[in-house]
Amino acid sequence: MDPHFEDMMAMPRPTAAQLAYGSCTVILSTLAMLLLSQTSSGVGIAIIAAAALALGLLVAMTVPLPGKRPAAVEQPAPEEPVRASVAAPAPEPVRERAIS
């Protein structure tokens, strides 16, 4: 077995921001759901706790990781229209046609 196999398969550790956002989400959403539902049964509390944990995990996993920003795509500058350096021709005088 390759000695670096465990290093390649290791899961990345959560950042401080992920831990903070996830923990705050779990605590606040649990309190909010318990107050709004006014449940007192053990099953209701367990369902609310599981939902809060799932929500906290979702929030923690969606926090952007440092250094994983996509590189900005460099777009070429828009070309300016070419302006003619020749002066416009002077208008010709109006010629009247003879009525025949």
N, C-alpha and C. Protein backbone atom coordinates (compact mmCIF):
# COMPACT_ATOMS: atom_id res chain seq x y z
N MET A 1 0.84 -1.17 0.00
CA MET A 1 0.00 0.00 0.00
C MET A 1 0.89 1.25 0.00
N ASP A 2 0.46 2.24 -0.73
CA ASP A 2 1.20 3.49 -0.84
C ASP A 2 1.19 4.22 0.51
N PRO A 3 2.35 4.67 1.01
CA PRO A 3 2.36 5.35 2.31
C PRO A 3 1.63 6.69 2.30
N HIS A 4 1.46 7.29 1.13
CA HIS A 4 0.77 8.59 1.04
C HIS A 4 -0.72 8.41 0.77
N PHE A 5 -1.20 7.16 0.81
CA PHE A 5 -2.60 6.89 0.50
C PHE A 5 -3.52 7.59 1.50
N GLU A 6 -3.15 7.54 2.78
CA GLU A 6 -3.99 8.18 3.80
C GLU A 6 -4.03 9.69 3.64
N ASP A 7 -2.92 10.28 3.19
CA ASP A 7 -2.90 11.72 2.98
C ASP A 7 -3.80 12.13 1.83
N MET A 8 -3.87 11.28 0.80
CA MET A 8 -4.70 11.61 -0.36
C MET A 8 -6.18 11.46 -0.03
N MET A 9 -6.53 10.57 0.86
CA MET A 9 -7.92 10.30 1.17
C MET A 9 -8.44 11.11 2.36
N ALA A 10 -7.58 11.86 3.02
CA ALA A 10 -7.99 12.61 4.20
C ALA A 10 -8.96 13.72 3.81
N MET A 11 -9.97 13.90 4.63
CA MET A 11 -10.93 14.98 4.39
C MET A 11 -10.33 16.30 4.84
N PRO A 12 -10.62 17.37 4.15
CA PRO A 12 -10.09 18.67 4.59
C PRO A 12 -10.73 19.08 5.91
N ARG A 13 -9.97 19.76 6.75
CA ARG A 13 -10.49 20.20 8.03
C ARG A 13 -11.35 21.45 7.82
N PRO A 14 -12.41 21.58 8.62
CA PRO A 14 -13.25 22.78 8.48
C PRO A 14 -12.51 24.02 8.97
N THR A 15 -12.79 25.11 8.32
CA THR A 15 -12.17 26.38 8.72
C THR A 15 -12.92 26.97 9.92
N ALA A 16 -12.34 27.98 10.52
CA ALA A 16 -12.98 28.64 11.66
C ALA A 16 -14.31 29.27 11.25
N ALA A 17 -14.36 29.82 10.05
CA ALA A 17 -15.61 30.42 9.57
C ALA A 17 -16.70 29.37 9.41
N GLN A 18 -16.34 28.20 8.88
CA GLN A 18 -17.33 27.14 8.72
C GLN A 18 -17.85 26.68 10.08
N LEU A 19 -16.96 26.52 11.04
CA LEU A 19 -17.40 26.11 12.38
C LEU A 19 -18.31 27.16 13.02
N ALA A 20 -17.94 28.41 12.88
CA ALA A 20 -18.72 29.49 13.50
C ALA A 20 -20.10 29.60 12.86
N TYR A 21 -20.15 29.65 11.54
CA TYR A 21 -21.44 29.78 10.85
C TYR A 21 -22.32 28.56 11.11
N GLY A 22 -21.74 27.38 11.06
CA GLY A 22 -22.52 26.17 11.29
C GLY A 22 -23.06 26.11 12.71
N SER A 23 -22.23 26.43 13.69
CA SER A 23 -22.66 26.38 15.09
C SER A 23 -23.75 27.41 15.38
N CYS A 24 -23.55 28.62 14.89
CA CYS A 24 -24.57 29.67 15.09
C CYS A 24 -25.89 29.30 14.43
N THR A 25 -25.81 28.70 13.27
CA THR A 25 -27.02 28.30 12.57
C THR A 25 -27.77 27.23 13.36
N VAL A 26 -27.04 26.24 13.88
CA VAL A 26 -27.68 25.17 14.65
C VAL A 26 -28.35 25.74 15.90
N ILE A 27 -27.65 26.58 16.63
CA ILE A 27 -28.20 27.11 17.88
C ILE A 27 -29.41 28.00 17.63
N LEU A 28 -29.25 28.95 16.70
CA LEU A 28 -30.34 29.90 16.46
C LEU A 28 -31.55 29.24 15.80
N SER A 29 -31.32 28.34 14.87
CA SER A 29 -32.46 27.69 14.22
C SER A 29 -33.17 26.75 15.18
N THR A 30 -32.43 26.09 16.08
CA THR A 30 -33.08 25.23 17.09
C THR A 30 -33.97 26.07 18.01
N LEU A 31 -33.44 27.16 18.51
CA LEU A 31 -34.24 28.03 19.37
C LEU A 31 -35.48 28.57 18.66
N ALA A 32 -35.29 29.02 17.43
CA ALA A 32 -36.41 29.58 16.67
C ALA A 32 -37.49 28.53 16.41
N MET A 33 -37.07 27.34 15.99
CA MET A 33 -38.07 26.31 15.69
C MET A 33 -38.77 25.83 16.96
N LEU A 34 -38.04 25.72 18.07
CA LEU A 34 -38.68 25.32 19.32
C LEU A 34 -39.67 26.37 19.81
N LEU A 35 -39.32 27.64 19.69
CA LEU A 35 -40.25 28.69 20.11
C LEU A 35 -41.46 28.79 19.20
N LEU A 36 -41.25 28.62 17.90
CA LEU A 36 -42.37 28.74 16.97
C LEU A 36 -43.31 27.54 17.03
N SER A 37 -42.76 26.35 17.22
CA SER A 37 -43.60 25.15 17.21
C SER A 37 -44.25 24.90 18.57
N GLN A 38 -43.67 25.41 19.63
CA GLN A 38 -44.16 25.23 21.00
C GLN A 38 -44.37 23.75 21.32
N THR A 39 -43.50 22.90 20.81
CA THR A 39 -43.62 21.47 21.07
C THR A 39 -43.01 21.13 22.42
N SER A 40 -43.55 20.11 23.05
CA SER A 40 -43.00 19.64 24.31
C SER A 40 -42.76 18.14 24.30
N SER A 41 -43.08 17.50 23.19
CA SER A 41 -42.86 16.05 23.10
C SER A 41 -41.41 15.77 22.72
N GLY A 42 -40.94 14.62 23.13
CA GLY A 42 -39.56 14.23 22.84
C GLY A 42 -39.33 14.01 21.36
N VAL A 43 -40.33 13.47 20.66
CA VAL A 43 -40.20 13.22 19.22
C VAL A 43 -40.11 14.55 18.47
N GLY A 44 -40.92 15.51 18.85
CA GLY A 44 -40.89 16.82 18.19
C GLY A 44 -39.56 17.52 18.39
N ILE A 45 -39.03 17.44 19.60
CA ILE A 45 -37.74 18.06 19.88
C ILE A 45 -36.63 17.37 19.09
N ALA A 46 -36.70 16.05 18.99
CA ALA A 46 -35.69 15.30 18.22
C ALA A 46 -35.74 15.66 16.74
N ILE A 47 -36.93 15.82 16.20
CA ILE A 47 -37.06 16.20 14.78
C ILE A 47 -36.51 17.61 14.56
N ILE A 48 -36.81 18.52 15.47
CA ILE A 48 -36.30 19.88 15.34
C ILE A 48 -34.79 19.91 15.46
N ALA A 49 -34.23 19.13 16.39
CA ALA A 49 -32.77 19.09 16.55
C ALA A 49 -32.11 18.52 15.30
N ALA A 50 -32.69 17.48 14.71
CA ALA A 50 -32.12 16.89 13.49
C ALA A 50 -32.19 17.88 12.33
N ALA A 51 -33.30 18.60 12.22
CA ALA A 51 -33.44 19.60 11.15
C ALA A 51 -32.43 20.73 11.34
N ALA A 52 -32.22 21.15 12.58
CA ALA A 52 -31.26 22.22 12.85
C ALA A 52 -29.84 21.77 12.53
N LEU A 53 -29.50 20.51 12.87
CA LEU A 53 -28.18 19.99 12.54
C LEU A 53 -27.97 19.93 11.03
N ALA A 54 -28.99 19.48 10.31
CA ALA A 54 -28.88 19.41 8.84
C ALA A 54 -28.71 20.81 8.25
N LEU A 55 -29.47 21.78 8.78
CA LEU A 55 -29.35 23.15 8.29
C LEU A 55 -27.97 23.73 8.61
N GLY A 56 -27.45 23.45 9.80
CA GLY A 56 -26.11 23.93 10.17
C GLY A 56 -25.03 23.32 9.29
N LEU A 57 -25.18 22.04 8.97
CA LEU A 57 -24.22 21.39 8.07
C LEU A 57 -24.28 22.00 6.67
N LEU A 58 -25.48 22.27 6.20
CA LEU A 58 -25.62 22.89 4.88
C LEU A 58 -24.98 24.26 4.84
N VAL A 59 -25.20 25.05 5.88
CA VAL A 59 -24.61 26.40 5.93
C VAL A 59 -23.10 26.31 6.00
N ALA A 60 -22.57 25.40 6.82
CA ALA A 60 -21.12 25.27 6.98
C ALA A 60 -20.46 24.82 5.68
N MET A 61 -21.12 23.99 4.91
CA MET A 61 -20.51 23.49 3.68
C MET A 61 -20.59 24.51 2.54
N THR A 62 -21.47 25.48 2.65
CA THR A 62 -21.58 26.47 1.58
C THR A 62 -20.74 27.71 1.82
N VAL A 63 -20.09 27.81 2.98
CA VAL A 63 -19.17 28.93 3.24
C VAL A 63 -17.99 28.78 2.30
N PRO A 64 -17.64 29.81 1.54
CA PRO A 64 -16.52 29.68 0.59
C PRO A 64 -15.21 29.43 1.31
N LEU A 65 -14.42 28.54 0.75
CA LEU A 65 -13.12 28.21 1.32
C LEU A 65 -12.09 29.21 0.85
N PRO A 66 -11.12 29.56 1.68
CA PRO A 66 -10.09 30.51 1.24
C PRO A 66 -9.18 29.88 0.20
N GLY A 67 -8.82 30.66 -0.80
CA GLY A 67 -7.89 30.19 -1.81
C GLY A 67 -8.52 29.37 -2.91
N LYS A 68 -9.82 29.19 -2.90
CA LYS A 68 -10.47 28.41 -3.94
C LYS A 68 -11.32 29.28 -4.84
N ARG A 69 -10.98 30.54 -4.91
CA ARG A 69 -11.73 31.44 -5.78
C ARG A 69 -11.39 31.15 -7.23
N PRO A 70 -12.38 31.16 -8.10
CA PRO A 70 -12.07 30.97 -9.51
C PRO A 70 -11.29 32.16 -10.05
N ALA A 71 -10.35 31.86 -10.90
CA ALA A 71 -9.53 32.92 -11.49
C ALA A 71 -10.41 33.82 -12.36
N ALA A 72 -10.16 35.09 -12.27
CA ALA A 72 -10.92 36.03 -13.07
C ALA A 72 -10.55 35.85 -14.54
N VAL A 73 -11.56 35.77 -15.35
CA VAL A 73 -11.33 35.61 -16.78
C VAL A 73 -11.01 36.98 -17.36
N GLU A 74 -9.84 37.08 -17.96
CA GLU A 74 -9.43 38.36 -18.52
C GLU A 74 -10.04 38.50 -19.90
N GLN A 75 -10.82 39.53 -20.07
CA GLN A 75 -11.46 39.77 -21.35
C GLN A 75 -10.71 40.89 -22.06
N PRO A 76 -10.59 40.75 -23.38
CA PRO A 76 -9.89 41.82 -24.10
C PRO A 76 -10.71 43.11 -24.04
N ALA A 77 -9.99 44.21 -24.03
CA ALA A 77 -10.65 45.51 -23.99
C ALA A 77 -11.43 45.72 -25.28
N PRO A 78 -12.62 46.31 -25.17
CA PRO A 78 -13.40 46.53 -26.39
C PRO A 78 -12.66 47.51 -27.30
N GLU A 79 -12.70 47.17 -28.57
CA GLU A 79 -12.01 48.02 -29.54
C GLU A 79 -12.82 49.29 -29.78
N GLU A 80 -12.10 50.40 -29.86
CA GLU A 80 -12.76 51.65 -30.14
C GLU A 80 -13.01 51.73 -31.64
N PRO A 81 -14.12 52.35 -32.04
CA PRO A 81 -14.38 52.46 -33.47
C PRO A 81 -13.32 53.34 -34.13
N VAL A 82 -12.98 52.96 -35.34
CA VAL A 82 -11.98 53.72 -36.09
C VAL A 82 -12.64 54.97 -36.63
N ARG A 83 -12.02 56.09 -36.37
CA ARG A 83 -12.57 57.36 -36.84
C ARG A 83 -11.81 57.80 -38.08
N ALA A 84 -12.55 58.23 -39.05
CA ALA A 84 -11.94 58.69 -40.30
C ALA A 84 -11.26 60.02 -40.06
N SER A 85 -10.06 60.16 -40.60
CA SER A 85 -9.34 61.41 -40.44
C SER A 85 -9.55 62.33 -41.64
N VAL A 86 -10.31 61.86 -42.62
CA VAL A 86 -10.58 62.66 -43.81
C VAL A 86 -11.84 63.47 -43.54
N ALA A 87 -11.78 64.76 -43.89
CA ALA A 87 -12.94 65.61 -43.70
C ALA A 87 -14.05 65.20 -44.66
N ALA A 88 -15.27 65.39 -44.23
CA ALA A 88 -16.41 65.05 -45.07
C ALA A 88 -16.43 66.00 -46.27
N PRO A 89 -16.83 65.48 -47.45
CA PRO A 89 -16.88 66.35 -48.63
C PRO A 89 -17.93 67.44 -48.46
N ALA A 90 -17.63 68.59 -49.05
CA ALA A 90 -18.57 69.71 -48.99
C ALA A 90 -19.80 69.37 -49.83
N PRO A 91 -20.95 69.78 -49.39
CA PRO A 91 -22.16 69.48 -50.18
C PRO A 91 -22.13 70.21 -51.51
N GLU A 92 -22.64 69.54 -52.53
CA GLU A 92 -22.67 70.14 -53.87
C GLU A 92 -23.83 71.11 -53.94
N PRO A 93 -23.65 72.16 -54.74
CA PRO A 93 -24.77 73.10 -54.91
C PRO A 93 -25.94 72.43 -55.64
N VAL A 94 -27.11 72.88 -55.31
CA VAL A 94 -28.31 72.29 -55.91
C VAL A 94 -28.42 72.78 -57.35
N ARG A 95 -28.59 71.84 -58.25
CA ARG A 95 -28.74 72.20 -59.67
C ARG A 95 -30.20 72.12 -60.04
N GLU A 96 -30.65 73.16 -60.68
CA GLU A 96 -32.03 73.16 -61.11
C GLU A 96 -32.13 72.57 -62.50
N ARG A 97 -33.14 71.80 -62.70
CA ARG A 97 -33.33 71.21 -64.03
C ARG A 97 -34.27 72.12 -64.83
N ALA A 98 -33.96 72.17 -66.06
CA ALA A 98 -34.80 72.96 -66.95
C ALA A 98 -36.05 72.17 -67.28
N ILE A 99 -37.18 72.87 -67.22
CA ILE A 99 -38.43 72.18 -67.55
C ILE A 99 -38.57 72.21 -69.05
N SER A 100 -38.79 71.05 -69.57
CA SER A 100 -38.92 71.04 -71.02
C SER A 100 -40.31 70.83 -71.50
